Amino acid sequence: MASTFVIHARRDWTFQLVLLGSRLQLEGWCDGDPNRCSAWVDPTQTPHDVADQLMRQPSCCL
């Protein structure tokens, strides 16, 4: 299951929420860049907060 969204202040990034089992993962990618970043979303976090963190410090969760 996946849900895609864009943060209006950063239209060059696209984000996708992915439900993997019982965990929620946020994937993000910048337009024109084939690489995707990802991070786990904890129950206490909002997807927008995690997206902001990924834009500042791109990383990949395993």
C-alpha atoms as a PDB file:
ATOM      1  CA  MET A   1       0.000   0.000   0.000  1.00  0.00           C
ATOM      2  CA  ALA A   2       1.403   3.426  -0.905  1.00  0.00           C
ATOM      3  CA  SER A   3       0.296   7.058  -0.811  1.00  0.00           C
ATOM      4  CA  THR A   4       2.186   9.830  -2.665  1.00  0.00           C
ATOM      5  CA  PHE A   5       2.356  13.517  -1.692  1.00  0.00           C
ATOM      6  CA  VAL A   6       4.343  16.682  -2.459  1.00  0.00           C
ATOM      7  CA  ILE A   7       5.312  19.419   0.005  1.00  0.00           C
ATOM      8  CA  HIS A   8       4.251  22.657  -1.659  1.00  0.00           C
ATOM      9  CA  ALA A   9       7.305  24.618  -0.512  1.00  0.00           C
ATOM     10  CA  ARG A  10       9.554  21.990  -2.147  1.00  0.00           C
ATOM     11  CA  ARG A  11       7.833  20.930  -5.349  1.00  0.00           C
ATOM     12  CA  ASP A  12      11.077  19.405  -6.645  1.00  0.00           C
ATOM     13  CA  TRP A  13      10.689  16.557  -4.117  1.00  0.00           C
ATOM     14  CA  THR A  14       8.062  13.806  -4.186  1.00  0.00           C
ATOM     15  CA  PHE A  15       7.285  11.589  -1.203  1.00  0.00           C
ATOM     16  CA  GLN A  16       5.547   8.279  -0.839  1.00  0.00           C
ATOM     17  CA  LEU A  17       4.283   6.613   2.334  1.00  0.00           C
ATOM     18  CA  VAL A  18       4.668   2.848   2.172  1.00  0.00           C
ATOM     19  CA  LEU A  19       3.148   0.420   4.663  1.00  0.00           C
ATOM     20  CA  LEU A  20       5.519  -2.527   5.133  1.00  0.00           C
ATOM     21  CA  GLY A  21       3.937  -5.037   7.481  1.00  0.00           C
ATOM     22  CA  SER A  22       3.188  -3.027  10.609  1.00  0.00           C
ATOM     23  CA  ARG A  23       5.750  -0.269   9.915  1.00  0.00           C
ATOM     24  CA  LEU A  24       5.386   2.934   7.944  1.00  0.00           C
ATOM     25  CA  GLN A  25       8.238   4.010   5.667  1.00  0.00           C
ATOM     26  CA  LEU A  26       8.603   7.353   3.913  1.00  0.00           C
ATOM     27  CA  GLU A  27      10.387   7.340   0.548  1.00  0.00           C
ATOM     28  CA  GLY A  28      11.483  10.580  -1.083  1.00  0.00           C
ATOM     29  CA  TRP A  29      13.123  11.513  -4.349  1.00  0.00           C
ATOM     30  CA  CYS A  30      14.154  14.721  -6.052  1.00  0.00           C
ATOM     31  CA  ASP A  31      13.008  15.337  -9.620  1.00  0.00           C
ATOM     32  CA  GLY A  32      15.650  14.214 -12.103  1.00  0.00           C
ATOM     33  CA  ASP A  33      17.517  12.092  -9.528  1.00  0.00           C
ATOM     34  CA  PRO A  34      17.015   8.322  -9.860  1.00  0.00           C
ATOM     35  CA  ASN A  35      18.062   7.687  -6.235  1.00  0.00           C
ATOM     36  CA  ARG A  36      15.450   7.394  -3.485  1.00  0.00           C
ATOM     37  CA  CYS A  37      15.883   8.236   0.169  1.00  0.00           C
ATOM     38  CA  SER A  38      13.875   6.553   2.885  1.00  0.00           C
ATOM     39  CA  ALA A  39      13.228   6.668   6.612  1.00  0.00           C
ATOM     40  CA  TRP A  40      10.977   4.876   9.072  1.00  0.00           C
ATOM     41  CA  VAL A  41       8.108   6.960  10.456  1.00  0.00           C
ATOM     42  CA  ASP A  42       7.667   6.497  14.196  1.00  0.00           C
ATOM     43  CA  PRO A  43       4.145   6.733  15.670  1.00  0.00           C
ATOM     44  CA  THR A  44       5.097  10.036  17.338  1.00  0.00           C
ATOM     45  CA  GLN A  45       6.269  11.651  14.068  1.00  0.00           C
ATOM     46  CA  THR A  46       4.314  13.233  11.254  1.00  0.00           C
ATOM     47  CA  PRO A  47       5.178  12.339   7.652  1.00  0.00           C
ATOM     48  CA  HIS A  48       5.926  16.020   6.967  1.00  0.00           C
ATOM     49  CA  ASP A  49       8.502  16.112   9.783  1.00  0.00           C
ATOM     50  CA  VAL A  50      10.228  13.003   8.427  1.00  0.00           C
ATOM     51  CA  ALA A  51      10.115  14.459   4.886  1.00  0.00           C
ATOM     52  CA  ASP A  52      11.761  17.650   6.139  1.00  0.00           C
ATOM     53  CA  GLN A  53      14.486  15.562   7.792  1.00  0.00           C
ATOM     54  CA  LEU A  54      15.073  13.583   4.571  1.00  0.00           C
ATOM     55  CA  MET A  55      15.447  16.787   2.542  1.00  0.00           C
ATOM     56  CA  ARG A  56      18.023  18.139   5.011  1.00  0.00           C
ATOM     57  CA  GLN A  57      19.909  14.835   5.470  1.00  0.00           C
ATOM     58  CA  PRO A  58      19.161  12.276   2.761  1.00  0.00           C
ATOM     59  CA  SER A  59      19.531   8.715   4.038  1.00  0.00           C
ATOM     60  CA  CYS A  60      18.213   5.225   3.443  1.00  0.00           C
ATOM     61  CA  CYS A  61      16.688   2.843   5.960  1.00  0.00           C
ATOM     62  CA  LEU A  62      17.286  -0.875   5.542  1.00  0.00           C
END
